Amino acid sequence: MGEAKRRKELLGEKYGQDERFVAWLPITKKQSTQFVETTTKGAWLGIGSMVLLWITIRFIGPFFGWWELAG
């Protein structure tokens, strides 16, 4: 408990506030972590949609082309 009191006295009004990622950039460490998590999820969604598109073009598309020739 003594360490927390000392830190609170030392930091004053800044005590308990999020620390900035870079001093001159108004982004906190929490916001930068959220940005990385969001962009990672977006990248995986993009990879998944690209795989689905590739499967559609590579396998399903030629099947319907063959179906027209057979009919």
PDB file of N, CA and C in Angstrom:
ATOM      1  N   MET A   1       0.824  -1.183   0.000  1.00  0.00           N
ATOM      2  CA  MET A   1       0.000   0.000   0.000  1.00  0.00           C
ATOM      3  C   MET A   1       0.869   1.247   0.000  1.00  0.00           C
ATOM      4  N   GLY A   2       2.012   1.235   0.613  1.00  0.00           N
ATOM      5  CA  GLY A   2       2.885   2.397   0.663  1.00  0.00           C
ATOM      6  C   GLY A   2       3.404   2.779  -0.712  1.00  0.00           C
ATOM      7  N   GLU A   3       3.702   1.791  -1.562  1.00  0.00           N
ATOM      8  CA  GLU A   3       4.194   2.047  -2.907  1.00  0.00           C
ATOM      9  C   GLU A   3       3.148   2.776  -3.742  1.00  0.00           C
ATOM     10  N   ALA A   4       1.895   2.370  -3.632  1.00  0.00           N
ATOM     11  CA  ALA A   4       0.821   3.012  -4.390  1.00  0.00           C
ATOM     12  C   ALA A   4       0.636   4.465  -3.956  1.00  0.00           C
ATOM     13  N   LYS A   5       0.723   4.714  -2.671  1.00  0.00           N
ATOM     14  CA  LYS A   5       0.582   6.089  -2.176  1.00  0.00           C
ATOM     15  C   LYS A   5       1.732   6.956  -2.679  1.00  0.00           C
ATOM     16  N   ARG A   6       2.938   6.413  -2.655  1.00  0.00           N
ATOM     17  CA  ARG A   6       4.101   7.161  -3.126  1.00  0.00           C
ATOM     18  C   ARG A   6       3.957   7.490  -4.604  1.00  0.00           C
ATOM     19  N   ARG A   7       3.505   6.509  -5.399  1.00  0.00           N
ATOM     20  CA  ARG A   7       3.313   6.723  -6.824  1.00  0.00           C
ATOM     21  C   ARG A   7       2.218   7.760  -7.084  1.00  0.00           C
ATOM     22  N   LYS A   8       1.162   7.722  -6.299  1.00  0.00           N
ATOM     23  CA  LYS A   8       0.055   8.671  -6.451  1.00  0.00           C
ATOM     24  C   LYS A   8       0.529  10.089  -6.138  1.00  0.00           C
ATOM     25  N   GLU A   9       1.332  10.247  -5.109  1.00  0.00           N
ATOM     26  CA  GLU A   9       1.870  11.564  -4.770  1.00  0.00           C
ATOM     27  C   GLU A   9       2.829  12.060  -5.841  1.00  0.00           C
ATOM     28  N   LEU A  10       3.609  11.163  -6.405  1.00  0.00           N
ATOM     29  CA  LEU A  10       4.591  11.526  -7.415  1.00  0.00           C
ATOM     30  C   LEU A  10       3.919  11.934  -8.728  1.00  0.00           C
ATOM     31  N   LEU A  11       2.909  11.201  -9.168  1.00  0.00           N
ATOM     32  CA  LEU A  11       2.261  11.477 -10.451  1.00  0.00           C
ATOM     33  C   LEU A  11       1.195  12.566 -10.366  1.00  0.00           C
ATOM     34  N   GLY A  12       0.592  12.748  -9.228  1.00  0.00           N
ATOM     35  CA  GLY A  12      -0.419  13.794  -9.059  1.00  0.00           C
ATOM     36  C   GLY A  12      -1.678  13.501  -9.857  1.00  0.00           C
ATOM     37  N   GLU A  13      -2.067  14.417 -10.759  1.00  0.00           N
ATOM     38  CA  GLU A  13      -3.298  14.265 -11.529  1.00  0.00           C
ATOM     39  C   GLU A  13      -3.197  13.171 -12.594  1.00  0.00           C
ATOM     40  N   LYS A  14      -2.004  12.818 -12.990  1.00  0.00           N
ATOM     41  CA  LYS A  14      -1.823  11.799 -14.031  1.00  0.00           C
ATOM     42  C   LYS A  14      -1.990  10.371 -13.497  1.00  0.00           C
ATOM     43  N   TYR A  15      -2.130  10.239 -12.201  1.00  0.00           N
ATOM     44  CA  TYR A  15      -2.250   8.910 -11.587  1.00  0.00           C
ATOM     45  C   TYR A  15      -3.538   8.223 -12.040  1.00  0.00           C
ATOM     46  N   GLY A  16      -3.429   7.020 -12.544  1.00  0.00           N
ATOM     47  CA  GLY A  16      -4.582   6.237 -12.962  1.00  0.00           C
ATOM     48  C   GLY A  16      -4.997   6.456 -14.408  1.00  0.00           C
ATOM     49  N   GLN A  17      -4.371   7.396 -15.099  1.00  0.00           N
ATOM     50  CA  GLN A  17      -4.699   7.638 -16.502  1.00  0.00           C
ATOM     51  C   GLN A  17      -3.873   6.715 -17.387  1.00  0.00           C
ATOM     52  N   ASP A  18      -4.413   6.412 -18.580  1.00  0.00           N
ATOM     53  CA  ASP A  18      -3.685   5.562 -19.522  1.00  0.00           C
ATOM     54  C   ASP A  18      -2.413   6.257 -19.992  1.00  0.00           C
ATOM     55  N   GLU A  19      -1.378   5.465 -20.121  1.00  0.00           N
ATOM     56  CA  GLU A  19      -0.101   5.985 -20.588  1.00  0.00           C
ATOM     57  C   GLU A  19      -0.127   6.065 -22.107  1.00  0.00           C
ATOM     58  N   ARG A  20       0.466   7.102 -22.657  1.00  0.00           N
ATOM     59  CA  ARG A  20       0.491   7.276 -24.108  1.00  0.00           C
ATOM     60  C   ARG A  20       1.524   6.353 -24.733  1.00  0.00           C
ATOM     61  N   PHE A  21       1.211   5.897 -25.942  1.00  0.00           N
ATOM     62  CA  PHE A  21       2.107   5.010 -26.681  1.00  0.00           C
ATOM     63  C   PHE A  21       3.359   5.763 -27.099  1.00  0.00           C
ATOM     64  N   VAL A  22       3.173   6.948 -27.688  1.00  0.00           N
ATOM     65  CA  VAL A  22       4.262   7.863 -28.045  1.00  0.00           C
ATOM     66  C   VAL A  22       3.878   9.221 -27.463  1.00  0.00           C
ATOM     67  N   ALA A  23       4.822   9.909 -26.892  1.00  0.00           N
ATOM     68  CA  ALA A  23       4.528  11.142 -26.165  1.00  0.00           C
ATOM     69  C   ALA A  23       3.810  12.187 -27.021  1.00  0.00           C
ATOM     70  N   TRP A  24       4.200  12.328 -28.284  1.00  0.00           N
ATOM     71  CA  TRP A  24       3.625  13.377 -29.127  1.00  0.00           C
ATOM     72  C   TRP A  24       2.389  12.912 -29.898  1.00  0.00           C
ATOM     73  N   LEU A  25       2.031  11.641 -29.794  1.00  0.00           N
ATOM     74  CA  LEU A  25       0.880  11.085 -30.504  1.00  0.00           C
ATOM     75  C   LEU A  25      -0.251  10.830 -29.503  1.00  0.00           C
ATOM     76  N   PRO A  26      -1.450  11.349 -29.771  1.00  0.00           N
ATOM     77  CA  PRO A  26      -2.532  11.198 -28.791  1.00  0.00           C
ATOM     78  C   PRO A  26      -3.200   9.818 -28.832  1.00  0.00           C
ATOM     79  N   ILE A  27      -2.412   8.770 -28.739  1.00  0.00           N
ATOM     80  CA  ILE A  27      -2.915   7.394 -28.736  1.00  0.00           C
ATOM     81  C   ILE A  27      -2.370   6.696 -27.494  1.00  0.00           C
ATOM     82  N   THR A  28      -3.266   6.056 -26.744  1.00  0.00           N
ATOM     83  CA  THR A  28      -2.833   5.358 -25.541  1.00  0.00           C
ATOM     84  C   THR A  28      -2.396   3.943 -25.895  1.00  0.00           C
ATOM     85  N   LYS A  29      -1.748   3.288 -24.968  1.00  0.00           N
ATOM     86  CA  LYS A  29      -1.303   1.914 -25.196  1.00  0.00           C
ATOM     87  C   LYS A  29      -2.498   0.981 -25.403  1.00  0.00           C
ATOM     88  N   LYS A  30      -3.582   1.229 -24.676  1.00  0.00           N
ATOM     89  CA  LYS A  30      -4.783   0.410 -24.825  1.00  0.00           C
ATOM     90  C   LYS A  30      -5.356   0.555 -26.234  1.00  0.00           C
ATOM     91  N   GLN A  31      -5.389   1.782 -26.756  1.00  0.00           N
ATOM     92  CA  GLN A  31      -5.901   2.011 -28.098  1.00  0.00           C
ATOM     93  C   GLN A  31      -5.014   1.348 -29.149  1.00  0.00           C
ATOM     94  N   SER A  32      -3.720   1.378 -28.956  1.00  0.00           N
ATOM     95  CA  SER A  32      -2.828   0.744 -29.923  1.00  0.00           C
ATOM     96  C   SER A  32      -2.997  -0.772 -29.911  1.00  0.00           C
ATOM     97  N   THR A  33      -3.231  -1.356 -28.742  1.00  0.00           N
ATOM     98  CA  THR A  33      -3.484  -2.795 -28.651  1.00  0.00           C
ATOM     99  C   THR A  33      -4.793  -3.155 -29.344  1.00  0.00           C
ATOM    100  N   GLN A  34      -5.831  -2.352 -29.140  1.00  0.00           N
ATOM    101  CA  GLN A  34      -7.112  -2.588 -29.800  1.00  0.00           C
ATOM    102  C   GLN A  34      -6.972  -2.477 -31.316  1.00  0.00           C
ATOM    103  N   PHE A  35      -6.166  -1.540 -31.790  1.00  0.00           N
ATOM    104  CA  PHE A  35      -5.941  -1.376 -33.229  1.00  0.00           C
ATOM    105  C   PHE A  35      -5.292  -2.620 -33.818  1.00  0.00           C
ATOM    106  N   VAL A  36      -4.292  -3.154 -33.137  1.00  0.00           N
ATOM    107  CA  VAL A  36      -3.618  -4.357 -33.620  1.00  0.00           C
ATOM    108  C   VAL A  36      -4.585  -5.538 -33.643  1.00  0.00           C
ATOM    109  N   GLU A  37      -5.394  -5.704 -32.603  1.00  0.00           N
ATOM    110  CA  GLU A  37      -6.366  -6.794 -32.559  1.00  0.00           C
ATOM    111  C   GLU A  37      -7.386  -6.678 -33.688  1.00  0.00           C
ATOM    112  N   THR A  38      -7.886  -5.469 -33.928  1.00  0.00           N
ATOM    113  CA  THR A  38      -8.893  -5.249 -34.970  1.00  0.00           C
ATOM    114  C   THR A  38      -8.315  -5.510 -36.359  1.00  0.00           C
ATOM    115  N   THR A  39      -7.117  -5.015 -36.623  1.00  0.00           N
ATOM    116  CA  THR A  39      -6.528  -5.225 -37.941  1.00  0.00           C
ATOM    117  C   THR A  39      -6.161  -6.682 -38.165  1.00  0.00           C
ATOM    118  N   THR A  40      -5.795  -7.397 -37.104  1.00  0.00           N
ATOM    119  CA  THR A  40      -5.506  -8.820 -37.234  1.00  0.00           C
ATOM    120  C   THR A  40      -6.770  -9.593 -37.593  1.00  0.00           C
ATOM    121  N   LYS A  41      -7.878  -9.284 -36.934  1.00  0.00           N
ATOM    122  CA  LYS A  41      -9.151  -9.933 -37.271  1.00  0.00           C
ATOM    123  C   LYS A  41      -9.549  -9.618 -38.707  1.00  0.00           C
ATOM    124  N   GLY A  42      -9.380  -8.374 -39.118  1.00  0.00           N
ATOM    125  CA  GLY A  42      -9.702  -7.982 -40.489  1.00  0.00           C
ATOM    126  C   GLY A  42      -8.844  -8.712 -41.505  1.00  0.00           C
ATOM    127  N   ALA A  43      -7.577  -8.897 -41.182  1.00  0.00           N
ATOM    128  CA  ALA A  43      -6.687  -9.625 -42.094  1.00  0.00           C
ATOM    129  C   ALA A  43      -7.135 -11.073 -42.241  1.00  0.00           C
ATOM    130  N   TRP A  44      -7.502 -11.715 -41.142  1.00  0.00           N
ATOM    131  CA  TRP A  44      -7.960 -13.104 -41.221  1.00  0.00           C
ATOM    132  C   TRP A  44      -9.273 -13.206 -41.991  1.00  0.00           C
ATOM    133  N   LEU A  45     -10.170 -12.238 -41.829  1.00  0.00           N
ATOM    134  CA  LEU A  45     -11.404 -12.237 -42.611  1.00  0.00           C
ATOM    135  C   LEU A  45     -11.093 -12.082 -44.100  1.00  0.00           C
ATOM    136  N   GLY A  46     -10.147 -11.238 -44.429  1.00  0.00           N
ATOM    137  CA  GLY A  46      -9.737 -11.063 -45.822  1.00  0.00           C
ATOM    138  C   GLY A  46      -9.127 -12.327 -46.405  1.00  0.00           C
ATOM    139  N   ILE A  47      -8.298 -13.000 -45.628  1.00  0.00           N
ATOM    140  CA  ILE A  47      -7.688 -14.251 -46.091  1.00  0.00           C
ATOM    141  C   ILE A  47      -8.764 -15.306 -46.316  1.00  0.00           C
ATOM    142  N   GLY A  48      -9.716 -15.410 -45.384  1.00  0.00           N
ATOM    143  CA  GLY A  48     -10.798 -16.385 -45.524  1.00  0.00           C
ATOM    144  C   GLY A  48     -11.659 -16.122 -46.747  1.00  0.00           C
ATOM    145  N   SER A  49     -11.998 -14.858 -46.977  1.00  0.00           N
ATOM    146  CA  SER A  49     -12.815 -14.535 -48.151  1.00  0.00           C
ATOM    147  C   SER A  49     -12.047 -14.780 -49.442  1.00  0.00           C
ATOM    148  N   MET A  50     -10.740 -14.539 -49.434  1.00  0.00           N
ATOM    149  CA  MET A  50      -9.930 -14.812 -50.616  1.00  0.00           C
ATOM    150  C   MET A  50      -9.890 -16.310 -50.914  1.00  0.00           C
ATOM    151  N   VAL A  51      -9.794 -17.138 -49.890  1.00  0.00           N
ATOM    152  CA  VAL A  51      -9.797 -18.596 -50.074  1.00  0.00           C
ATOM    153  C   VAL A  51     -11.146 -19.048 -50.633  1.00  0.00           C
ATOM    154  N   LEU A  52     -12.246 -18.515 -50.100  1.00  0.00           N
ATOM    155  CA  LEU A  52     -13.571 -18.868 -50.618  1.00  0.00           C
ATOM    156  C   LEU A  52     -13.733 -18.449 -52.076  1.00  0.00           C
ATOM    157  N   LEU A  53     -13.258 -17.276 -52.410  1.00  0.00           N
ATOM    158  CA  LEU A  53     -13.316 -16.816 -53.796  1.00  0.00           C
ATOM    159  C   LEU A  53     -12.489 -17.719 -54.699  1.00  0.00           C
ATOM    160  N   TRP A  54     -11.302 -18.103 -54.253  1.00  0.00           N
ATOM    161  CA  TRP A  54     -10.433 -18.977 -55.038  1.00  0.00           C
ATOM    162  C   TRP A  54     -11.095 -20.337 -55.269  1.00  0.00           C
ATOM    163  N   ILE A  55     -11.704 -20.895 -54.216  1.00  0.00           N
ATOM    164  CA  ILE A  55     -12.390 -22.188 -54.360  1.00  0.00           C
ATOM    165  C   ILE A  55     -13.545 -22.055 -55.356  1.00  0.00           C
ATOM    166  N   THR A  56     -14.276 -20.951 -55.278  1.00  0.00           N
ATOM    167  CA  THR A  56     -15.391 -20.735 -56.201  1.00  0.00           C
ATOM    168  C   THR A  56     -14.897 -20.667 -57.643  1.00  0.00           C
ATOM    169  N   ILE A  57     -13.876 -19.891 -57.890  1.00  0.00           N
ATOM    170  CA  ILE A  57     -13.368 -19.727 -59.258  1.00  0.00           C
ATOM    171  C   ILE A  57     -12.693 -21.001 -59.753  1.00  0.00           C
ATOM    172  N   ARG A  58     -11.941 -21.664 -58.898  1.00  0.00           N
ATOM    173  CA  ARG A  58     -11.143 -22.827 -59.322  1.00  0.00           C
ATOM    174  C   ARG A  58     -11.970 -24.088 -59.504  1.00  0.00           C
ATOM    175  N   PHE A  59     -12.938 -24.335 -58.632  1.00  0.00           N
ATOM    176  CA  PHE A  59     -13.662 -25.595 -58.673  1.00  0.00           C
ATOM    177  C   PHE A  59     -15.125 -25.453 -59.107  1.00  0.00           C
ATOM    178  N   ILE A  60     -15.842 -24.508 -58.543  1.00  0.00           N
ATOM    179  CA  ILE A  60     -17.273 -24.386 -58.818  1.00  0.00           C
ATOM    180  C   ILE A  60     -17.516 -23.780 -60.204  1.00  0.00           C
ATOM    181  N   GLY A  61     -16.745 -22.779 -60.580  1.00  0.00           N
ATOM    182  CA  GLY A  61     -16.897 -22.144 -61.893  1.00  0.00           C
ATOM    183  C   GLY A  61     -16.723 -23.116 -63.048  1.00  0.00           C
ATOM    184  N   PRO A  62     -15.634 -23.898 -63.103  1.00  0.00           N
ATOM    185  CA  PRO A  62     -15.485 -24.874 -64.192  1.00  0.00           C
ATOM    186  C   PRO A  62     -16.589 -25.936 -64.208  1.00  0.00           C
ATOM    187  N   PHE A  63     -17.116 -26.295 -63.062  1.00  0.00           N
ATOM    188  CA  PHE A  63     -18.202 -27.278 -63.023  1.00  0.00           C
ATOM    189  C   PHE A  63     -19.419 -26.757 -63.787  1.00  0.00           C
ATOM    190  N   PHE A  64     -19.782 -25.489 -63.576  1.00  0.00           N
ATOM    191  CA  PHE A  64     -20.932 -24.932 -64.295  1.00  0.00           C
ATOM    192  C   PHE A  64     -20.622 -24.749 -65.777  1.00  0.00           C
ATOM    193  N   GLY A  65     -19.363 -24.516 -66.127  1.00  0.00           N
ATOM    194  CA  GLY A  65     -19.003 -24.474 -67.553  1.00  0.00           C
ATOM    195  C   GLY A  65     -19.155 -25.818 -68.205  1.00  0.00           C
ATOM    196  N   TRP A  66     -18.769 -26.873 -67.519  1.00  0.00           N
ATOM    197  CA  TRP A  66     -18.926 -28.230 -68.028  1.00  0.00           C
ATOM    198  C   TRP A  66     -20.398 -28.591 -68.152  1.00  0.00           C
ATOM    199  N   TRP A  67     -21.196 -28.125 -67.192  1.00  0.00           N
ATOM    200  CA  TRP A  67     -22.633 -28.426 -67.167  1.00  0.00           C
ATOM    201  C   TRP A  67     -23.307 -27.859 -68.415  1.00  0.00           C
ATOM    202  N   GLU A  68     -22.868 -26.669 -68.880  1.00  0.00           N
ATOM    203  CA  GLU A  68     -23.442 -26.090 -70.092  1.00  0.00           C
ATOM    204  C   GLU A  68     -23.085 -26.922 -71.309  1.00  0.00           C
ATOM    205  N   LEU A  69     -21.867 -27.400 -71.378  1.00  0.00           N
ATOM    206  CA  LEU A  69     -21.431 -28.196 -72.537  1.00  0.00           C
ATOM    207  C   LEU A  69     -22.155 -29.540 -72.590  1.00  0.00           C
ATOM    208  N   ALA A  70     -22.457 -30.134 -71.428  1.00  0.00           N
ATOM    209  CA  ALA A  70     -23.105 -31.434 -71.374  1.00  0.00           C
ATOM    210  C   ALA A  70     -24.586 -31.331 -71.742  1.00  0.00           C
ATOM    211  N   GLY A  71     -25.197 -30.186 -71.524  1.00  0.00           N
ATOM    212  CA  GLY A  71     -26.632 -30.029 -71.698  1.00  0.00           C
ATOM    213  C   GLY A  71     -27.043 -29.661 -73.053  1.00  0.00           C
TER     214      GLY A  71
END
